[in-house]
């Protein structure tokens, strides 16, 4: 597939998109050349900001706030252009190289669209994807899982990639049985009655196994465990802040309240 633009008139929306992207590239060039802050930035200095922007996009998606999603996508787009501009200054690559590389990758990874491979289901597409990656030089199916991913997300990606090559449970009943097995093994290393850890290292290992099996079960019933946990986090924050506000309105300090008193406000929050 050619990387050059065809000699045709673009549809209005496509032309608008191209002009908007060109506007961003132009502004990035101007900022990099004229703004004291932008001139100082490196890939390393931008890295933590990019991570922050990604989490802000994630929050906006969970909140279903389309206006915020638009804003956060813009911030991330800026960062992608920024990295490309920095690399162009050292002659490593530019934004065209980045875009052409992802285009080539997509074409190569979708032989059922751009080739003669047959794939009628999502599972077949994923299986083909993993096989292609191995042919491209990946030593392991799991090699593409970033080591710095949060543990919960990493567990899900590991399981998805293993499934892509056929290493998976056949029925969700089997997965739930594994959850119950891991729960029992955890109990064996923790005395629930005395609240004393029998063997902390082993208990921690068994708890990790239990979490991993729960992530596996969530995947089998088509739930995203990261999304589920984050929604619970947000729900807890909302209810706890309601508790704090009600206590403040009553002239009370949470530290001086009994659990029974706090439960009254907590139960009120659950009804909102």
Protein backbone atom coordinates (compact mmCIF):
# COMPACT_ATOMS: atom_id res chain seq x y z
CA UNK A 1 0.00 0.00 0.00
CA UNK A 2 1.38 3.38 -0.98
CA UNK A 3 2.29 5.94 1.68
CA UNK A 4 1.67 8.82 -0.71
CA UNK A 5 -1.55 10.75 -0.90
CA UNK A 6 -3.74 9.80 -3.88
CA UNK A 7 -4.43 12.46 -6.51
CA UNK A 8 -8.07 12.70 -5.57
CA UNK A 9 -10.25 15.26 -3.87
CA UNK A 10 -10.70 14.33 -0.21
CA UNK A 11 -14.19 14.17 1.30
CA UNK A 12 -14.86 17.34 3.35
CA UNK A 13 -14.57 15.57 6.73
CA UNK A 14 -11.26 13.93 5.81
CA UNK A 15 -9.87 17.25 4.61
CA UNK A 16 -10.99 18.89 7.84
CA UNK A 17 -9.20 16.17 9.82
CA UNK A 18 -6.00 16.60 7.80
CA UNK A 19 -6.06 20.37 8.21
CA UNK A 20 -6.61 20.07 11.96
CA UNK A 21 -3.66 17.66 12.27
CA UNK A 22 -1.48 19.99 10.19
CA UNK A 23 -2.52 22.87 12.48
CA UNK A 24 -1.35 20.88 15.51
CA UNK A 25 1.98 20.07 13.84
CA UNK A 26 2.47 23.75 13.00
CA UNK A 27 1.72 24.87 16.55
CA UNK A 28 4.05 22.20 17.93
CA UNK A 29 6.86 23.46 15.69
CA UNK A 30 6.26 27.05 16.83
CA UNK A 31 6.17 26.13 20.52
CA UNK A 32 9.28 24.00 20.28
CA UNK A 33 11.17 26.84 18.63
CA UNK A 34 9.84 29.79 20.67
CA UNK A 35 8.45 28.72 24.07
CA UNK A 36 11.05 28.45 26.90
CA UNK A 37 9.17 25.57 28.58
CA UNK A 38 8.53 23.57 25.41
CA UNK A 39 12.14 24.02 24.25
CA UNK A 40 13.42 22.40 27.47
CA UNK A 41 11.29 19.26 27.33
CA UNK A 42 12.74 15.82 26.66
CA UNK A 43 11.10 12.41 26.27
CA UNK A 44 12.07 11.68 29.86
CA UNK A 45 10.53 14.89 31.21
CA UNK A 46 7.28 14.27 29.31
CA UNK A 47 6.96 10.63 30.35
CA UNK A 48 5.24 11.12 33.72
CA UNK A 49 2.96 13.77 32.22
CA UNK A 50 1.87 11.33 29.52
CA UNK A 51 1.05 8.71 32.14
CA UNK A 52 -1.01 11.29 34.03
CA UNK A 53 -2.89 12.29 30.88
CA UNK A 54 -3.67 8.63 30.15
CA UNK A 55 -5.22 8.17 33.59
CA UNK A 56 -7.22 11.37 33.15
CA UNK A 57 -8.59 9.97 29.89
CA UNK A 58 -9.44 6.74 31.69
CA UNK A 59 -11.36 8.67 34.36
CA UNK A 60 -13.29 10.62 31.72
CA UNK A 61 -14.24 7.38 29.94
CA UNK A 62 -15.52 5.83 33.17
CA UNK A 63 -17.54 8.98 33.85
CA UNK A 64 -18.91 8.87 30.28
CA UNK A 65 -18.05 12.58 30.00
CA UNK A 66 -17.67 13.04 26.24
CA UNK A 67 -16.47 16.63 26.53
CA UNK A 68 -13.69 15.60 28.90
CA UNK A 69 -12.83 12.61 26.72
CA UNK A 70 -12.38 15.00 23.79
CA UNK A 71 -10.10 17.24 25.87
CA UNK A 72 -7.99 14.37 27.19
CA UNK A 73 -7.62 12.83 23.73
CA UNK A 74 -6.31 16.20 22.58
CA UNK A 75 -3.76 16.23 25.40
CA UNK A 76 -2.55 12.75 24.50
CA UNK A 77 -2.42 13.64 20.80
CA UNK A 78 -0.25 16.62 21.71
CA UNK A 79 2.13 14.34 23.59
CA UNK A 80 2.43 11.96 20.64
CA UNK A 81 3.26 14.86 18.34
CA UNK A 82 5.68 16.25 20.95
CA UNK A 83 7.66 13.01 21.17
CA UNK A 84 7.80 12.81 17.37
CA UNK A 85 9.06 16.38 17.10
CA UNK A 86 11.81 15.69 19.66
CA UNK A 87 12.90 12.57 17.77
CA UNK A 88 12.94 14.46 14.47
CA UNK A 89 15.50 16.87 15.93
CA UNK A 90 17.94 14.00 16.52
CA UNK A 91 17.16 12.38 13.18
CA UNK A 92 15.72 9.22 14.75
CA UNK A 93 12.22 9.49 13.31
CA UNK A 94 9.43 11.97 12.66
CA UNK A 95 5.65 11.91 12.87
CA UNK A 96 5.35 10.50 9.34
CA UNK A 97 7.57 7.58 10.33
CA UNK A 98 5.39 6.97 13.39
CA UNK A 99 2.15 7.01 11.42
CA UNK A 100 3.47 4.90 8.56
CA UNK A 101 4.87 2.37 11.03
CA UNK A 102 1.51 1.88 12.73
CA UNK A 103 -0.22 1.67 9.34
CA UNK A 104 2.22 -1.02 8.20
CA UNK A 105 1.75 -2.86 11.47
CA UNK A 106 -2.04 -2.81 11.19
CA UNK A 107 -1.93 -4.10 7.62
CA UNK A 108 0.49 -6.86 8.57
CA UNK A 109 -1.53 -7.86 11.64
CA UNK A 110 -4.81 -8.04 9.68
CA UNK A 111 -4.14 -10.54 6.89
CA UNK A 112 -7.84 -11.44 6.96
CA UNK A 113 -8.51 -7.92 5.64
CA UNK A 114 -5.42 -7.18 3.56
CA UNK A 115 -4.46 -10.73 2.63
CA UNK A 116 -5.96 -14.13 2.01
CA UNK A 117 -6.16 -15.42 5.59
CA UNK A 118 -9.62 -16.37 6.86
CA UNK A 119 -10.79 -15.15 10.27
CA UNK A 120 -14.51 -14.90 10.95
CA UNK A 121 -14.46 -14.53 14.73
CA UNK A 122 -12.76 -12.29 17.26
CA UNK A 123 -10.93 -15.29 18.73
CA UNK A 124 -9.50 -16.23 15.34
CA UNK A 125 -8.31 -12.66 14.84
CA UNK A 126 -6.57 -12.68 18.25
CA UNK A 127 -4.97 -16.07 17.57
CA UNK A 128 -3.64 -14.85 14.20
CA UNK A 129 -2.36 -11.68 15.87
CA UNK A 130 -0.27 -13.61 18.40
CA UNK A 131 1.14 -15.97 15.77
CA UNK A 132 2.16 -13.03 13.57
CA UNK A 133 3.91 -11.35 16.51
CA UNK A 134 5.93 -14.52 17.13
CA UNK A 135 6.95 -14.58 13.47
CA UNK A 136 8.01 -10.93 13.78
CA UNK A 137 10.60 -11.94 16.36
CA UNK A 138 8.82 -11.94 19.72
CA UNK A 139 10.38 -14.73 21.78
CA UNK A 140 7.27 -15.21 23.90
CA UNK A 141 3.56 -14.61 23.53
CA UNK A 142 3.80 -12.76 26.85
CA UNK A 143 6.74 -10.65 25.71
CA UNK A 144 4.45 -7.82 24.66
CA UNK A 145 3.03 -7.31 28.15
CA UNK A 146 4.74 -4.19 29.60
CA UNK A 147 6.47 -4.95 32.89
CA UNK A 148 5.36 -1.58 34.32
CA UNK A 149 1.62 -2.22 33.88
CA UNK A 150 -0.43 -2.11 37.09
CA UNK A 151 -0.70 -5.67 38.43
CA UNK A 152 -4.46 -6.01 37.86
CA UNK A 153 -4.26 -4.86 34.24
CA UNK A 154 -1.17 -7.01 33.69
CA UNK A 155 -2.97 -10.13 34.96
CA UNK A 156 -5.77 -9.53 32.49
CA UNK A 157 -3.40 -8.98 29.56
CA UNK A 158 -1.37 -12.09 30.43
CA UNK A 159 -4.52 -14.20 30.44
CA UNK A 160 -5.79 -12.70 27.18
CA UNK A 161 -2.50 -13.42 25.43
CA UNK A 162 -2.37 -16.99 26.74
CA UNK A 163 -5.92 -17.49 25.49
CA UNK A 164 -4.85 -16.23 22.08
CA UNK A 165 -2.73 -19.37 21.57
CA UNK A 166 -5.29 -21.75 23.06
CA UNK A 167 -4.02 -21.95 26.66
CA UNK A 168 -7.23 -21.38 28.58
CA UNK A 169 -10.06 -23.03 30.48
CA UNK A 170 -12.87 -24.57 28.44
CA UNK A 171 -15.82 -23.65 30.69
CA UNK A 172 -16.47 -20.88 33.21
CA UNK A 173 -17.50 -23.53 35.75
CA UNK A 174 -13.90 -24.75 35.78
CA UNK A 175 -12.66 -21.20 36.36
CA UNK A 176 -15.01 -20.71 39.33
CA UNK A 177 -13.86 -24.01 40.81
CA UNK A 178 -10.31 -22.65 40.57
CA UNK A 179 -11.41 -19.50 42.43
CA UNK A 180 -12.85 -21.65 45.24
CA UNK A 181 -9.69 -23.77 45.31
CA UNK A 182 -7.49 -20.69 45.65
CA UNK A 183 -9.76 -19.29 48.36
CA UNK A 184 -9.37 -22.50 50.35
CA UNK A 185 -5.58 -22.46 49.91
CA UNK A 186 -5.49 -18.86 51.14
CA UNK A 187 -7.55 -19.79 54.19
CA UNK A 188 -5.03 -22.50 55.03
CA UNK A 189 -2.37 -19.81 55.46
CA UNK A 190 -4.52 -17.34 57.35
CA UNK A 191 -6.36 -17.85 60.62
CA UNK A 192 -9.53 -15.81 60.15
CA UNK A 193 -10.65 -16.26 63.79
CA UNK A 194 -7.50 -14.88 65.40
CA UNK A 195 -6.70 -12.43 62.58
CA UNK A 196 -3.12 -13.62 62.75
CA UNK A 197 -1.14 -14.47 59.63
CA UNK A 198 0.27 -17.97 59.91
CA UNK A 199 2.86 -17.48 57.16
CA UNK A 200 2.82 -14.01 55.67
CA UNK A 201 4.88 -14.85 52.59
CA UNK A 202 2.79 -17.89 51.71
CA UNK A 203 -0.45 -16.08 52.54
CA UNK A 204 0.56 -13.25 50.23
CA UNK A 205 1.34 -15.73 47.47
CA UNK A 206 -2.00 -17.49 47.90
CA UNK A 207 -3.84 -14.15 47.96
CA UNK A 208 -2.15 -13.27 44.67
CA UNK A 209 -3.28 -16.61 43.22
CA UNK A 210 -6.82 -15.86 44.40
CA UNK A 211 -6.82 -12.43 42.76
CA UNK A 212 -5.41 -13.89 39.53
CA UNK A 213 -8.17 -16.52 39.44
CA UNK A 214 -10.84 -13.86 40.08
CA UNK A 215 -9.46 -11.81 37.17
CA UNK A 216 -9.66 -14.97 35.08
CA UNK A 217 -13.29 -15.52 36.01
CA UNK A 218 -14.17 -11.89 35.30
CA UNK A 219 -12.67 -12.31 31.84
CA UNK A 220 -14.72 -15.44 31.26
CA UNK A 221 -17.98 -13.63 32.02
CA UNK A 222 -16.91 -10.64 29.92
CA UNK A 223 -16.23 -8.21 32.77
CA UNK A 224 -13.23 -5.91 32.92
CA UNK A 225 -11.80 -6.28 36.47
CA UNK A 226 -9.89 -2.99 36.27
CA UNK A 227 -13.05 -1.10 35.32
CA UNK A 228 -15.08 -2.94 37.96
CA UNK A 229 -12.60 -2.13 40.74
CA UNK A 230 -12.26 1.50 39.68
CA UNK A 231 -16.04 1.94 39.69
CA UNK A 232 -16.07 0.53 43.22
CA UNK A 233 -13.27 2.94 44.19
CA UNK A 234 -15.28 5.87 42.87
CA UNK A 235 -18.42 4.65 44.63
CA UNK A 236 -16.56 4.35 47.94
CA UNK A 237 -15.04 7.84 47.55
CA UNK A 238 -18.44 9.37 46.83
CA UNK A 239 -20.05 7.71 49.85
CA UNK A 240 -17.14 8.49 52.16
CA UNK A 241 -17.13 12.14 51.14
CA UNK A 242 -20.87 12.24 51.86
CA UNK A 243 -20.11 10.83 55.31
CA UNK A 244 -17.44 13.48 55.87
CA UNK A 245 -19.76 16.29 54.80
CA UNK A 246 -22.68 15.10 56.95
CA UNK A 247 -20.39 14.78 59.96
CA UNK A 248 -19.08 18.31 59.33
CA UNK A 249 -22.63 19.67 58.98
CA UNK A 250 -23.43 18.12 62.35
CA UNK A 251 -20.40 19.71 63.96
CA UNK A 252 -18.74 16.34 64.48
CA UNK A 253 -15.26 14.98 63.80
CA UNK A 254 -15.03 11.54 62.22
CA UNK A 255 -12.29 10.55 64.66
CA UNK A 256 -14.65 11.19 67.57
CA UNK A 257 -17.61 9.30 66.12
CA UNK A 258 -18.44 5.67 66.77
CA UNK A 259 -18.66 3.23 63.89
CA UNK A 260 -22.41 2.94 64.54
CA UNK A 261 -22.80 6.71 64.15
CA UNK A 262 -20.82 6.70 60.92
CA UNK A 263 -22.87 3.79 59.61
CA UNK A 264 -26.01 5.95 59.74
CA UNK A 265 -24.56 8.43 57.27
CA UNK A 266 -22.95 5.64 55.24
CA UNK A 267 -26.31 3.92 54.79
CA UNK A 268 -27.82 7.27 53.77
CA UNK A 269 -25.12 7.63 51.13
CA UNK A 270 -25.93 4.18 49.73
CA UNK A 271 -29.46 5.33 48.93
CA UNK A 272 -28.33 8.33 46.84
